[in-house]
Amino acid sequence: MSLMMGGDPGISAFPEEDNIFCWKGTITGSKDTVFEGIEYKLSLSFPADYPFKPPKLKFETGCFHPNVDIRGNICLGILQDKWSSAYDVRIIQSLLGEPNTSSPLNTQAAALWENQEEYRKMVEKLYKPAA
């Protein structure tokens, strides 16, 4: 509910129709990151015991990121075994700019991460806004 009503800049989400556990959202890359100004669509699936268990998040818009595969699946410890009930889904916005490059799903993105200028060019080249 706080995500829906919070008015956080760059992130919004709402339940899909009448299922309170399945949401659609958008996230905009934070200022001063290679993702700045780029809007991504996400699907969110909340378990019945949320916030004690992490939600399942998936990029519906293609996202060139070390921890996102070509299908939009996200692999980050914080969304798996390192989850804490103190977190909420807003954490994904900050994680966009702070990937775990030591354990990537997308090795090309991880290798390019050190060169932020070239990385931004690749993000822009591959970004396709969702319809």
C-alpha atoms as a PDB file:
ATOM      1  CA  MET A   1       0.000   0.000   0.000  1.00  0.00           C
ATOM      2  CA  SER A   2       2.839   2.403   0.794  1.00  0.00           C
ATOM      3  CA  LEU A   3       4.264   1.803  -2.694  1.00  0.00           C
ATOM      4  CA  MET A   4       0.935   2.696  -4.276  1.00  0.00           C
ATOM      5  CA  MET A   5       0.360   5.786  -2.146  1.00  0.00           C
ATOM      6  CA  GLY A   6       3.940   6.858  -1.401  1.00  0.00           C
ATOM      7  CA  GLY A   7       4.501   9.084  -4.397  1.00  0.00           C
ATOM      8  CA  ASP A   8       8.148   8.043  -4.584  1.00  0.00           C
ATOM      9  CA  PRO A   9       9.807   9.630  -7.608  1.00  0.00           C
ATOM     10  CA  GLY A  10      10.703   7.125 -10.279  1.00  0.00           C
ATOM     11  CA  ILE A  11       8.736   4.151  -8.960  1.00  0.00           C
ATOM     12  CA  SER A  12       5.101   3.177  -8.999  1.00  0.00           C
ATOM     13  CA  ALA A  13       3.103  -0.032  -8.827  1.00  0.00           C
ATOM     14  CA  PHE A  14      -0.517  -1.098  -8.678  1.00  0.00           C
ATOM     15  CA  PRO A  15      -2.316  -4.418  -8.285  1.00  0.00           C
ATOM     16  CA  GLU A  16      -3.371  -6.215 -11.431  1.00  0.00           C
ATOM     17  CA  GLU A  17      -7.148  -6.209 -11.563  1.00  0.00           C
ATOM     18  CA  ASP A  18      -8.481  -8.007  -8.479  1.00  0.00           C
ATOM     19  CA  ASN A  19      -5.377  -9.983  -7.439  1.00  0.00           C
ATOM     20  CA  ILE A  20      -3.638  -8.177  -4.567  1.00  0.00           C
ATOM     21  CA  PHE A  21      -0.595 -10.474  -4.868  1.00  0.00           C
ATOM     22  CA  CYS A  22       0.187  -9.664  -8.546  1.00  0.00           C
ATOM     23  CA  TRP A  23       1.235  -6.137  -9.419  1.00  0.00           C
ATOM     24  CA  LYS A  24       2.523  -4.196 -12.420  1.00  0.00           C
ATOM     25  CA  GLY A  25       4.959  -1.396 -11.883  1.00  0.00           C
ATOM     26  CA  THR A  26       7.365   1.037 -13.439  1.00  0.00           C
ATOM     27  CA  ILE A  27      10.783   2.068 -12.285  1.00  0.00           C
ATOM     28  CA  THR A  28      12.927   4.890 -13.627  1.00  0.00           C
ATOM     29  CA  GLY A  29      16.700   4.768 -13.385  1.00  0.00           C
ATOM     30  CA  SER A  30      18.076   7.036 -10.671  1.00  0.00           C
ATOM     31  CA  LYS A  31      19.883  10.290 -11.344  1.00  0.00           C
ATOM     32  CA  ASP A  32      23.628  10.018 -11.942  1.00  0.00           C
ATOM     33  CA  THR A  33      23.481   6.351 -12.962  1.00  0.00           C
ATOM     34  CA  VAL A  34      23.792   4.790 -16.426  1.00  0.00           C
ATOM     35  CA  PHE A  35      20.048   4.090 -16.179  1.00  0.00           C
ATOM     36  CA  GLU A  36      19.069   7.714 -15.485  1.00  0.00           C
ATOM     37  CA  GLY A  37      15.737   8.622 -17.035  1.00  0.00           C
ATOM     38  CA  ILE A  38      15.044   5.186 -18.498  1.00  0.00           C
ATOM     39  CA  GLU A  39      11.686   3.738 -17.528  1.00  0.00           C
ATOM     40  CA  TYR A  40      11.296   0.003 -17.095  1.00  0.00           C
ATOM     41  CA  LYS A  41       8.106  -1.987 -16.633  1.00  0.00           C
ATOM     42  CA  LEU A  42       8.126  -4.694 -13.962  1.00  0.00           C
ATOM     43  CA  SER A  43       5.864  -7.476 -12.822  1.00  0.00           C
ATOM     44  CA  LEU A  44       5.768  -8.128  -9.094  1.00  0.00           C
ATOM     45  CA  SER A  45       4.421 -11.211  -7.374  1.00  0.00           C
ATOM     46  CA  PHE A  46       4.052 -11.037  -3.601  1.00  0.00           C
ATOM     47  CA  PRO A  47       3.983 -14.187  -1.466  1.00  0.00           C
ATOM     48  CA  ALA A  48       1.280 -14.487   1.189  1.00  0.00           C
ATOM     49  CA  ASP A  49       3.911 -13.996   3.911  1.00  0.00           C
ATOM     50  CA  TYR A  50       5.374 -10.764   2.462  1.00  0.00           C
ATOM     51  CA  PRO A  51       7.282  -8.794   3.858  1.00  0.00           C
ATOM     52  CA  PHE A  52       8.916 -11.740   5.609  1.00  0.00           C
ATOM     53  CA  LYS A  53       9.581 -13.424   2.250  1.00  0.00           C
ATOM     54  CA  PRO A  54      10.787 -11.514  -0.818  1.00  0.00           C
ATOM     55  CA  PRO A  55       8.580 -10.689  -3.783  1.00  0.00           C
ATOM     56  CA  LYS A  56       9.361 -12.117  -7.204  1.00  0.00           C
ATOM     57  CA  LEU A  57      10.301  -9.313  -9.565  1.00  0.00           C
ATOM     58  CA  LYS A  58      10.740  -9.494 -13.300  1.00  0.00           C
ATOM     59  CA  PHE A  59      11.605  -6.845 -15.858  1.00  0.00           C
ATOM     60  CA  GLU A  60       8.978  -6.753 -18.598  1.00  0.00           C
ATOM     61  CA  THR A  61      11.059  -4.179 -20.464  1.00  0.00           C
ATOM     62  CA  GLY A  62      14.448  -5.471 -21.608  1.00  0.00           C
ATOM     63  CA  CYS A  63      17.124  -4.414 -19.132  1.00  0.00           C
ATOM     64  CA  PHE A  64      20.849  -4.634 -19.908  1.00  0.00           C
ATOM     65  CA  HIS A  65      22.146  -5.268 -16.388  1.00  0.00           C
ATOM     66  CA  PRO A  66      24.656  -7.694 -14.840  1.00  0.00           C
ATOM     67  CA  ASN A  67      21.985  -9.248 -12.595  1.00  0.00           C
ATOM     68  CA  VAL A  68      19.155  -9.498 -15.153  1.00  0.00           C
ATOM     69  CA  ASP A  69      18.913 -12.229 -17.771  1.00  0.00           C
ATOM     70  CA  ILE A  70      17.462 -11.843 -21.282  1.00  0.00           C
ATOM     71  CA  ARG A  71      14.011 -12.917 -20.040  1.00  0.00           C
ATOM     72  CA  GLY A  72      13.945 -10.194 -17.360  1.00  0.00           C
ATOM     73  CA  ASN A  73      14.607 -12.490 -14.396  1.00  0.00           C
ATOM     74  CA  ILE A  74      16.579 -10.860 -11.602  1.00  0.00           C
ATOM     75  CA  CYS A  75      19.237 -12.689  -9.605  1.00  0.00           C
ATOM     76  CA  LEU A  76      20.274 -10.761  -6.521  1.00  0.00           C
ATOM     77  CA  GLY A  77      20.855 -12.220  -3.063  1.00  0.00           C
ATOM     78  CA  ILE A  78      18.729  -9.460  -1.567  1.00  0.00           C
ATOM     79  CA  LEU A  79      15.721 -10.827  -3.495  1.00  0.00           C
ATOM     80  CA  GLN A  80      16.441 -14.358  -2.333  1.00  0.00           C
ATOM     81  CA  ASP A  81      18.223 -15.605   0.774  1.00  0.00           C
ATOM     82  CA  LYS A  82      19.458 -12.172   1.960  1.00  0.00           C
ATOM     83  CA  TRP A  83      15.970 -10.633   2.110  1.00  0.00           C
ATOM     84  CA  SER A  84      14.922  -8.833   5.275  1.00  0.00           C
ATOM     85  CA  SER A  85      11.444  -7.704   6.275  1.00  0.00           C
ATOM     86  CA  ALA A  86      12.990  -4.234   6.701  1.00  0.00           C
ATOM     87  CA  TYR A  87      13.286  -4.025   2.889  1.00  0.00           C
ATOM     88  CA  ASP A  88      10.566  -3.302   0.406  1.00  0.00           C
ATOM     89  CA  VAL A  89      10.449  -3.438  -3.370  1.00  0.00           C
ATOM     90  CA  ARG A  90      11.756   0.129  -3.673  1.00  0.00           C
ATOM     91  CA  ILE A  91      15.217  -1.346  -3.047  1.00  0.00           C
ATOM     92  CA  ILE A  92      15.337  -2.505  -6.678  1.00  0.00           C
ATOM     93  CA  GLN A  93      15.662   1.098  -7.867  1.00  0.00           C
ATOM     94  CA  SER A  94      18.890   1.582  -5.926  1.00  0.00           C
ATOM     95  CA  LEU A  95      20.164  -1.859  -6.937  1.00  0.00           C
ATOM     96  CA  LEU A  96      19.915  -0.905 -10.619  1.00  0.00           C
ATOM     97  CA  GLY A  97      22.948   1.331 -10.157  1.00  0.00           C
ATOM     98  CA  GLU A  98      24.771  -1.014  -7.768  1.00  0.00           C
ATOM     99  CA  PRO A  99      24.961  -4.427  -9.449  1.00  0.00           C
ATOM    100  CA  ASN A 100      26.722  -7.498  -8.153  1.00  0.00           C
ATOM    101  CA  THR A 101      29.244  -7.962 -10.959  1.00  0.00           C
ATOM    102  CA  SER A 102      31.031 -10.841  -9.209  1.00  0.00           C
ATOM    103  CA  SER A 103      28.086 -13.192  -9.791  1.00  0.00           C
ATOM    104  CA  PRO A 104      26.371 -11.984 -12.984  1.00  0.00           C
ATOM    105  CA  LEU A 105      23.558 -13.468 -15.025  1.00  0.00           C
ATOM    106  CA  ASN A 106      24.584 -11.243 -17.927  1.00  0.00           C
ATOM    107  CA  THR A 107      28.359 -11.595 -18.277  1.00  0.00           C
ATOM    108  CA  GLN A 108      28.540  -9.069 -21.126  1.00  0.00           C
ATOM    109  CA  ALA A 109      26.916  -6.401 -18.936  1.00  0.00           C
ATOM    110  CA  ALA A 110      29.210  -7.282 -16.024  1.00  0.00           C
ATOM    111  CA  ALA A 111      32.332  -7.007 -18.193  1.00  0.00           C
ATOM    112  CA  LEU A 112      31.245  -3.625 -19.578  1.00  0.00           C
ATOM    113  CA  TRP A 113      30.174  -2.201 -16.190  1.00  0.00           C
ATOM    114  CA  GLU A 114      33.605  -0.677 -15.433  1.00  0.00           C
ATOM    115  CA  ASN A 115      33.328   1.596 -18.499  1.00  0.00           C
ATOM    116  CA  GLN A 116      30.231   3.593 -17.591  1.00  0.00           C
ATOM    117  CA  GLU A 117      30.267   5.697 -20.775  1.00  0.00           C
ATOM    118  CA  GLU A 118      30.236   2.621 -23.030  1.00  0.00           C
ATOM    119  CA  TYR A 119      27.765   0.914 -20.714  1.00  0.00           C
ATOM    120  CA  ARG A 120      25.303   3.823 -21.070  1.00  0.00           C
ATOM    121  CA  LYS A 121      25.634   3.624 -24.860  1.00  0.00           C
ATOM    122  CA  MET A 122      24.759  -0.085 -24.726  1.00  0.00           C
ATOM    123  CA  VAL A 123      21.777   0.572 -22.419  1.00  0.00           C
ATOM    124  CA  GLU A 124      20.470   3.197 -24.843  1.00  0.00           C
ATOM    125  CA  LYS A 125      21.099   0.954 -27.869  1.00  0.00           C
ATOM    126  CA  LEU A 126      19.235  -2.026 -26.377  1.00  0.00           C
ATOM    127  CA  TYR A 127      16.432  -0.159 -24.590  1.00  0.00           C
ATOM    128  CA  LYS A 128      13.027  -0.671 -26.155  1.00  0.00           C
ATOM    129  CA  PRO A 129      10.186   1.087 -24.330  1.00  0.00           C
ATOM    130  CA  ALA A 130       7.339  -1.255 -23.480  1.00  0.00           C
ATOM    131  CA  ALA A 131       4.153  -0.684 -25.392  1.00  0.00           C
END
